[in-house]
Amino acid sequence: MPVETDTEVRNRLEHKTVAVVGCSSTPGKDAHEIPKDLQAQGDETIPVNPTADEILGRSAYDSLSDVEEEIEIVDVFRPSPEVAGIVDEALARDDVDVIWLQLGIHDDEAVARAEAAGLRVVQDRCMKPEHQRLVASA
């Protein structure tokens, strides 16, 4: 069952190393502004985007498999049909604790696989307002 309560979401937000799959180099896009905000809050954001060399002052990786740093959260800004492959990459690593699917992104089968492997999953929520609501205001 996906993470749903405020307490569970708050606990997930305590993780500070976030690989952002689909991170955008285009200012104004949610996939750019939200990771930028997370970075400003002190989170280490790791951009994953095969079409960019650098985003938010960091080298961008082509895929989760290429990320050399440890990852706690995989934040997904890709269409729902791509979630299964992203979950597969996350499951191939031994450092991912949380899969976070941004607003409008769903894949119940991939979520079930991730949870069966011991990962926590947040679906259809945006990290920025959740952080502002549950952490910054606390």
N, C-alpha and C. Protein backbone atom coordinates (compact mmCIF):
# COMPACT_ATOMS: atom_id res chain seq x y z
N MET A 1 0.85 -1.18 0.00
CA MET A 1 0.00 0.00 0.00
C MET A 1 0.89 1.24 0.00
N PRO A 2 0.63 2.17 -0.92
CA PRO A 2 1.47 3.37 -0.98
C PRO A 2 1.41 4.21 0.30
N VAL A 3 2.43 5.01 0.47
CA VAL A 3 2.49 5.94 1.60
C VAL A 3 1.34 6.93 1.43
N GLU A 4 0.53 7.09 2.47
CA GLU A 4 -0.63 7.97 2.36
C GLU A 4 -0.81 8.93 3.52
N THR A 5 -0.39 8.55 4.73
CA THR A 5 -0.64 9.44 5.86
C THR A 5 0.41 10.55 5.92
N ASP A 6 0.04 11.65 6.56
CA ASP A 6 0.98 12.76 6.72
C ASP A 6 2.25 12.32 7.45
N THR A 7 2.10 11.47 8.45
CA THR A 7 3.27 11.00 9.20
C THR A 7 4.21 10.22 8.30
N GLU A 8 3.65 9.33 7.48
CA GLU A 8 4.47 8.55 6.56
C GLU A 8 5.16 9.45 5.53
N VAL A 9 4.42 10.42 4.98
CA VAL A 9 5.00 11.33 4.00
C VAL A 9 6.12 12.14 4.66
N ARG A 10 5.88 12.66 5.85
CA ARG A 10 6.90 13.43 6.57
C ARG A 10 8.16 12.57 6.77
N ASN A 11 7.99 11.32 7.15
CA ASN A 11 9.13 10.42 7.33
C ASN A 11 9.91 10.23 6.04
N ARG A 12 9.22 10.15 4.92
CA ARG A 12 9.91 10.00 3.63
C ARG A 12 10.69 11.27 3.30
N LEU A 13 10.15 12.43 3.67
CA LEU A 13 10.80 13.70 3.36
C LEU A 13 12.05 13.93 4.18
N GLU A 14 12.29 13.11 5.19
CA GLU A 14 13.52 13.23 5.97
C GLU A 14 14.73 12.76 5.18
N HIS A 15 14.51 11.96 4.14
CA HIS A 15 15.60 11.54 3.27
C HIS A 15 16.08 12.76 2.48
N LYS A 16 17.37 12.88 2.30
CA LYS A 16 17.90 14.12 1.73
C LYS A 16 18.63 13.96 0.41
N THR A 17 18.80 12.74 -0.10
CA THR A 17 19.47 12.55 -1.38
C THR A 17 18.42 12.07 -2.38
N VAL A 18 18.14 12.93 -3.36
CA VAL A 18 17.02 12.70 -4.28
C VAL A 18 17.52 12.66 -5.72
N ALA A 19 17.35 11.52 -6.37
CA ALA A 19 17.61 11.43 -7.81
C ALA A 19 16.32 11.81 -8.51
N VAL A 20 16.38 12.82 -9.36
CA VAL A 20 15.18 13.34 -10.03
C VAL A 20 15.20 12.85 -11.48
N VAL A 21 14.40 11.81 -11.73
CA VAL A 21 14.32 11.23 -13.07
C VAL A 21 13.37 12.07 -13.90
N GLY A 22 13.92 12.63 -14.97
CA GLY A 22 13.14 13.55 -15.80
C GLY A 22 13.36 14.99 -15.41
N CYS A 23 14.40 15.23 -14.62
CA CYS A 23 14.75 16.60 -14.22
C CYS A 23 14.96 17.43 -15.49
N SER A 24 14.40 18.62 -15.50
CA SER A 24 14.44 19.47 -16.70
C SER A 24 15.45 20.60 -16.54
N SER A 25 16.08 20.94 -17.64
CA SER A 25 17.00 22.08 -17.66
C SER A 25 16.25 23.38 -18.00
N THR A 26 14.94 23.30 -18.20
CA THR A 26 14.15 24.46 -18.61
C THR A 26 13.52 25.15 -17.41
N PRO A 27 14.02 26.35 -17.05
CA PRO A 27 13.38 27.08 -15.95
C PRO A 27 11.90 27.29 -16.23
N GLY A 28 11.11 27.21 -15.17
CA GLY A 28 9.67 27.38 -15.29
C GLY A 28 8.92 26.06 -15.33
N LYS A 29 9.57 25.00 -15.78
CA LYS A 29 8.92 23.69 -15.77
C LYS A 29 8.97 23.12 -14.36
N ASP A 30 7.91 22.41 -13.96
CA ASP A 30 7.88 21.80 -12.64
C ASP A 30 9.09 20.89 -12.41
N ALA A 31 9.49 20.18 -13.45
CA ALA A 31 10.61 19.25 -13.33
C ALA A 31 11.96 19.96 -13.18
N HIS A 32 11.95 21.28 -13.26
CA HIS A 32 13.13 22.09 -12.96
C HIS A 32 12.96 22.84 -11.63
N GLU A 33 11.80 23.45 -11.49
CA GLU A 33 11.57 24.30 -10.31
C GLU A 33 11.48 23.51 -9.00
N ILE A 34 10.87 22.35 -9.04
CA ILE A 34 10.73 21.56 -7.81
C ILE A 34 12.09 21.04 -7.35
N PRO A 35 12.91 20.43 -8.22
CA PRO A 35 14.25 20.04 -7.78
C PRO A 35 15.09 21.24 -7.32
N LYS A 36 14.91 22.38 -7.97
CA LYS A 36 15.63 23.59 -7.56
C LYS A 36 15.23 23.98 -6.13
N ASP A 37 13.93 23.89 -5.84
CA ASP A 37 13.44 24.19 -4.51
C ASP A 37 13.97 23.18 -3.48
N LEU A 38 13.97 21.91 -3.84
CA LEU A 38 14.51 20.89 -2.94
C LEU A 38 15.98 21.17 -2.64
N GLN A 39 16.71 21.55 -3.67
CA GLN A 39 18.13 21.89 -3.51
C GLN A 39 18.29 23.08 -2.58
N ALA A 40 17.45 24.09 -2.71
CA ALA A 40 17.51 25.27 -1.86
C ALA A 40 17.18 24.94 -0.40
N GLN A 41 16.41 23.87 -0.18
CA GLN A 41 16.06 23.43 1.17
C GLN A 41 17.15 22.56 1.79
N GLY A 42 18.20 22.29 1.03
CA GLY A 42 19.30 21.51 1.56
C GLY A 42 19.36 20.07 1.09
N ASP A 43 18.41 19.65 0.26
CA ASP A 43 18.47 18.30 -0.28
C ASP A 43 19.53 18.22 -1.36
N GLU A 44 20.17 17.08 -1.45
CA GLU A 44 21.10 16.85 -2.55
C GLU A 44 20.28 16.31 -3.71
N THR A 45 20.18 17.07 -4.78
CA THR A 45 19.41 16.65 -5.94
C THR A 45 20.36 16.15 -7.01
N ILE A 46 20.04 15.00 -7.56
CA ILE A 46 20.85 14.37 -8.59
C ILE A 46 20.00 14.31 -9.85
N PRO A 47 20.30 15.15 -10.86
CA PRO A 47 19.48 15.14 -12.08
C PRO A 47 19.74 13.91 -12.94
N VAL A 48 18.64 13.30 -13.39
CA VAL A 48 18.72 12.17 -14.31
C VAL A 48 17.94 12.56 -15.55
N ASN A 49 18.68 12.82 -16.64
CA ASN A 49 18.09 13.25 -17.89
C ASN A 49 19.10 12.99 -19.00
N PRO A 50 18.82 12.04 -19.89
CA PRO A 50 19.79 11.69 -20.92
C PRO A 50 20.02 12.77 -21.98
N THR A 51 19.20 13.81 -22.00
CA THR A 51 19.37 14.86 -23.01
C THR A 51 20.08 16.09 -22.47
N ALA A 52 20.52 16.05 -21.22
CA ALA A 52 21.18 17.22 -20.62
C ALA A 52 22.54 16.81 -20.06
N ASP A 53 23.48 17.74 -20.13
CA ASP A 53 24.81 17.50 -19.55
C ASP A 53 24.85 17.98 -18.11
N GLU A 54 24.17 19.10 -17.85
CA GLU A 54 24.19 19.69 -16.51
C GLU A 54 22.84 20.35 -16.23
N ILE A 55 22.36 20.17 -14.99
CA ILE A 55 21.13 20.81 -14.55
C ILE A 55 21.34 21.27 -13.12
N LEU A 56 20.96 22.49 -12.83
CA LEU A 56 21.05 23.05 -11.48
C LEU A 56 22.48 22.96 -10.92
N GLY A 57 23.45 23.16 -11.81
CA GLY A 57 24.85 23.18 -11.38
C GLY A 57 25.45 21.81 -11.13
N ARG A 58 24.74 20.76 -11.50
CA ARG A 58 25.23 19.38 -11.30
C ARG A 58 25.25 18.64 -12.62
N SER A 59 26.19 17.74 -12.77
CA SER A 59 26.21 16.88 -13.94
C SER A 59 24.96 16.01 -13.94
N ALA A 60 24.34 15.88 -15.10
CA ALA A 60 23.15 15.05 -15.24
C ALA A 60 23.56 13.66 -15.69
N TYR A 61 22.90 12.67 -15.14
CA TYR A 61 23.14 11.28 -15.50
C TYR A 61 22.12 10.84 -16.54
N ASP A 62 22.52 9.87 -17.37
CA ASP A 62 21.61 9.35 -18.39
C ASP A 62 20.51 8.48 -17.81
N SER A 63 20.82 7.77 -16.72
CA SER A 63 19.85 6.86 -16.12
C SER A 63 20.18 6.66 -14.65
N LEU A 64 19.26 6.07 -13.90
CA LEU A 64 19.52 5.75 -12.49
C LEU A 64 20.71 4.81 -12.37
N SER A 65 20.85 3.91 -13.32
CA SER A 65 21.95 2.95 -13.29
C SER A 65 23.31 3.64 -13.34
N ASP A 66 23.36 4.80 -13.95
CA ASP A 66 24.63 5.53 -14.10
C ASP A 66 24.98 6.37 -12.88
N VAL A 67 24.05 6.61 -11.99
CA VAL A 67 24.29 7.47 -10.83
C VAL A 67 25.29 6.79 -9.90
N GLU A 68 26.38 7.51 -9.62
CA GLU A 68 27.45 6.95 -8.78
C GLU A 68 27.20 7.19 -7.30
N GLU A 69 26.51 8.28 -6.96
CA GLU A 69 26.22 8.58 -5.56
C GLU A 69 25.15 7.64 -5.03
N GLU A 70 25.05 7.59 -3.70
CA GLU A 70 23.95 6.85 -3.09
C GLU A 70 22.67 7.66 -3.24
N ILE A 71 21.58 6.96 -3.42
CA ILE A 71 20.27 7.58 -3.62
C ILE A 71 19.34 7.10 -2.51
N GLU A 72 18.59 8.03 -1.92
CA GLU A 72 17.58 7.64 -0.94
C GLU A 72 16.18 7.67 -1.56
N ILE A 73 15.91 8.72 -2.34
CA ILE A 73 14.60 8.87 -2.98
C ILE A 73 14.79 8.97 -4.49
N VAL A 74 13.94 8.27 -5.24
CA VAL A 74 13.86 8.45 -6.68
C VAL A 74 12.57 9.22 -6.92
N ASP A 75 12.71 10.47 -7.36
CA ASP A 75 11.58 11.37 -7.63
C ASP A 75 11.33 11.34 -9.14
N VAL A 76 10.13 10.91 -9.54
CA VAL A 76 9.84 10.64 -10.95
C VAL A 76 8.99 11.74 -11.57
N PHE A 77 9.55 12.35 -12.62
CA PHE A 77 8.86 13.34 -13.45
C PHE A 77 8.76 12.81 -14.88
N ARG A 78 8.36 11.58 -15.04
CA ARG A 78 8.21 10.98 -16.35
C ARG A 78 6.80 10.43 -16.49
N PRO A 79 6.34 10.20 -17.71
CA PRO A 79 4.97 9.69 -17.90
C PRO A 79 4.77 8.32 -17.24
N SER A 80 3.56 8.05 -16.85
CA SER A 80 3.22 6.79 -16.18
C SER A 80 3.72 5.54 -16.90
N PRO A 81 3.64 5.46 -18.24
CA PRO A 81 4.13 4.25 -18.91
C PRO A 81 5.64 3.99 -18.70
N GLU A 82 6.39 4.97 -18.27
CA GLU A 82 7.83 4.79 -18.04
C GLU A 82 8.16 4.36 -16.61
N VAL A 83 7.17 4.38 -15.73
CA VAL A 83 7.42 4.09 -14.32
C VAL A 83 7.97 2.68 -14.11
N ALA A 84 7.44 1.69 -14.81
CA ALA A 84 7.89 0.31 -14.61
C ALA A 84 9.40 0.17 -14.84
N GLY A 85 9.92 0.76 -15.90
CA GLY A 85 11.35 0.70 -16.17
C GLY A 85 12.17 1.43 -15.12
N ILE A 86 11.65 2.56 -14.64
CA ILE A 86 12.34 3.33 -13.60
C ILE A 86 12.37 2.52 -12.30
N VAL A 87 11.27 1.88 -11.97
CA VAL A 87 11.23 1.03 -10.78
C VAL A 87 12.22 -0.12 -10.92
N ASP A 88 12.29 -0.72 -12.11
CA ASP A 88 13.26 -1.80 -12.33
C ASP A 88 14.69 -1.31 -12.05
N GLU A 89 15.02 -0.12 -12.54
CA GLU A 89 16.36 0.43 -12.29
C GLU A 89 16.58 0.69 -10.81
N ALA A 90 15.56 1.21 -10.13
CA ALA A 90 15.68 1.47 -8.69
C ALA A 90 15.87 0.16 -7.92
N LEU A 91 15.14 -0.88 -8.32
CA LEU A 91 15.25 -2.17 -7.64
C LEU A 91 16.60 -2.83 -7.86
N ALA A 92 17.27 -2.48 -8.95
CA ALA A 92 18.59 -3.05 -9.23
C ALA A 92 19.66 -2.43 -8.33
N ARG A 93 19.34 -1.33 -7.68
CA ARG A 93 20.26 -0.67 -6.76
C ARG A 93 19.95 -1.16 -5.34
N ASP A 94 20.91 -1.01 -4.44
CA ASP A 94 20.64 -1.42 -3.05
C ASP A 94 20.53 -0.23 -2.11
N ASP A 95 20.47 0.98 -2.67
CA ASP A 95 20.46 2.17 -1.81
C ASP A 95 19.15 2.95 -1.82
N VAL A 96 18.23 2.64 -2.69
CA VAL A 96 16.99 3.39 -2.81
C VAL A 96 16.00 2.94 -1.73
N ASP A 97 15.44 3.91 -1.01
CA ASP A 97 14.44 3.63 0.02
C ASP A 97 13.02 3.98 -0.42
N VAL A 98 12.91 5.02 -1.27
CA VAL A 98 11.61 5.58 -1.61
C VAL A 98 11.51 5.85 -3.10
N ILE A 99 10.37 5.51 -3.68
CA ILE A 99 10.01 5.94 -5.04
C ILE A 99 8.91 6.98 -4.85
N TRP A 100 9.11 8.17 -5.42
CA TRP A 100 8.11 9.25 -5.30
C TRP A 100 7.61 9.58 -6.70
N LEU A 101 6.33 9.30 -6.94
CA LEU A 101 5.71 9.60 -8.23
C LEU A 101 4.96 10.92 -8.12
N GLN A 102 5.37 11.87 -8.92
CA GLN A 102 4.78 13.21 -8.87
C GLN A 102 3.31 13.18 -9.29
N LEU A 103 2.66 14.31 -9.14
CA LEU A 103 1.22 14.44 -9.44
C LEU A 103 0.87 13.88 -10.82
N GLY A 104 -0.16 13.06 -10.85
CA GLY A 104 -0.65 12.52 -12.10
C GLY A 104 0.10 11.30 -12.61
N ILE A 105 1.11 10.85 -11.89
CA ILE A 105 1.90 9.71 -12.33
C ILE A 105 1.49 8.48 -11.52
N HIS A 106 1.09 7.41 -12.23
CA HIS A 106 0.58 6.20 -11.57
C HIS A 106 1.07 4.96 -12.30
N ASP A 107 1.34 3.91 -11.56
CA ASP A 107 1.56 2.58 -12.11
C ASP A 107 1.42 1.60 -10.95
N ASP A 108 0.21 1.12 -10.75
CA ASP A 108 -0.07 0.27 -9.59
C ASP A 108 0.75 -1.02 -9.59
N GLU A 109 0.97 -1.59 -10.76
CA GLU A 109 1.75 -2.83 -10.83
C GLU A 109 3.22 -2.58 -10.43
N ALA A 110 3.80 -1.51 -10.94
CA ALA A 110 5.18 -1.17 -10.58
C ALA A 110 5.29 -0.81 -9.10
N VAL A 111 4.28 -0.12 -8.59
CA VAL A 111 4.25 0.23 -7.17
C VAL A 111 4.23 -1.05 -6.33
N ALA A 112 3.40 -2.00 -6.72
CA ALA A 112 3.31 -3.26 -5.98
C ALA A 112 4.66 -3.99 -5.99
N ARG A 113 5.36 -3.99 -7.12
CA ARG A 113 6.67 -4.63 -7.19
C ARG A 113 7.67 -3.94 -6.28
N ALA A 114 7.66 -2.61 -6.29
CA ALA A 114 8.58 -1.84 -5.45
C ALA A 114 8.31 -2.12 -3.97
N GLU A 115 7.04 -2.12 -3.60
CA GLU A 115 6.69 -2.36 -2.21
C GLU A 115 7.02 -3.79 -1.79
N ALA A 116 6.82 -4.75 -2.67
CA ALA A 116 7.15 -6.15 -2.37
C ALA A 116 8.65 -6.31 -2.13
N ALA A 117 9.44 -5.43 -2.74
CA ALA A 117 10.90 -5.46 -2.56
C ALA A 117 11.35 -4.65 -1.35
N GLY A 118 10.39 -4.03 -0.65
CA GLY A 118 10.72 -3.30 0.56
C GLY A 118 10.85 -1.80 0.42
N LEU A 119 10.60 -1.26 -0.78
CA LEU A 119 10.66 0.18 -0.96
C LEU A 119 9.32 0.79 -0.54
N ARG A 120 9.37 2.04 -0.08
CA ARG A 120 8.16 2.80 0.20
C ARG A 120 7.85 3.61 -1.05
N VAL A 121 6.58 3.81 -1.34
CA VAL A 121 6.18 4.51 -2.55
C VAL A 121 5.16 5.60 -2.21
N VAL A 122 5.42 6.79 -2.74
CA VAL A 122 4.49 7.91 -2.64
C VAL A 122 3.99 8.15 -4.06
N GLN A 123 2.67 8.17 -4.24
CA GLN A 123 2.08 8.36 -5.56
C GLN A 123 1.23 9.61 -5.60
N ASP A 124 1.27 10.28 -6.75
CA ASP A 124 0.35 11.37 -7.05
C ASP A 124 0.44 12.51 -6.02
N ARG A 125 1.66 12.81 -5.59
CA ARG A 125 1.91 13.94 -4.69
C ARG A 125 3.16 14.66 -5.16
N CYS A 126 3.19 15.95 -4.91
CA CYS A 126 4.35 16.76 -5.26
C CYS A 126 5.19 17.01 -4.01
N MET A 127 6.49 16.80 -4.13
CA MET A 127 7.38 16.95 -2.97
C MET A 127 7.40 18.37 -2.42
N LYS A 128 7.34 19.37 -3.29
CA LYS A 128 7.47 20.75 -2.82
C LYS A 128 6.34 21.15 -1.87
N PRO A 129 5.07 21.05 -2.26
CA PRO A 129 4.02 21.46 -1.31
C PRO A 129 3.94 20.53 -0.10
N GLU A 130 4.27 19.25 -0.28
CA GLU A 130 4.26 18.34 0.85
C GLU A 130 5.34 18.75 1.86
N HIS A 131 6.50 19.13 1.35
CA HIS A 131 7.58 19.59 2.24
C HIS A 131 7.16 20.87 2.95
N GLN A 132 6.59 21.81 2.22
CA GLN A 132 6.16 23.08 2.81
C GLN A 132 5.09 22.85 3.88
N ARG A 133 4.18 21.94 3.61
CA ARG A 133 3.07 21.67 4.51
C ARG A 133 3.47 20.88 5.74
N LEU A 134 4.36 19.91 5.55
CA LEU A 134 4.65 18.96 6.63
C LEU A 134 5.98 19.17 7.35
N VAL A 135 6.93 19.80 6.67
CA VAL A 135 8.26 19.94 7.27
C VAL A 135 8.60 21.40 7.58
N ALA A 136 8.48 22.26 6.56
CA ALA A 136 8.86 23.67 6.76
C ALA A 136 7.98 24.36 7.77
N SER A 137 6.71 23.96 7.86
CA SER A 137 5.79 24.62 8.79
C SER A 137 5.84 24.02 10.19
N ALA A 138 6.55 22.90 10.34
CA ALA A 138 6.59 22.21 11.64
C ALA A 138 7.50 22.91 12.63
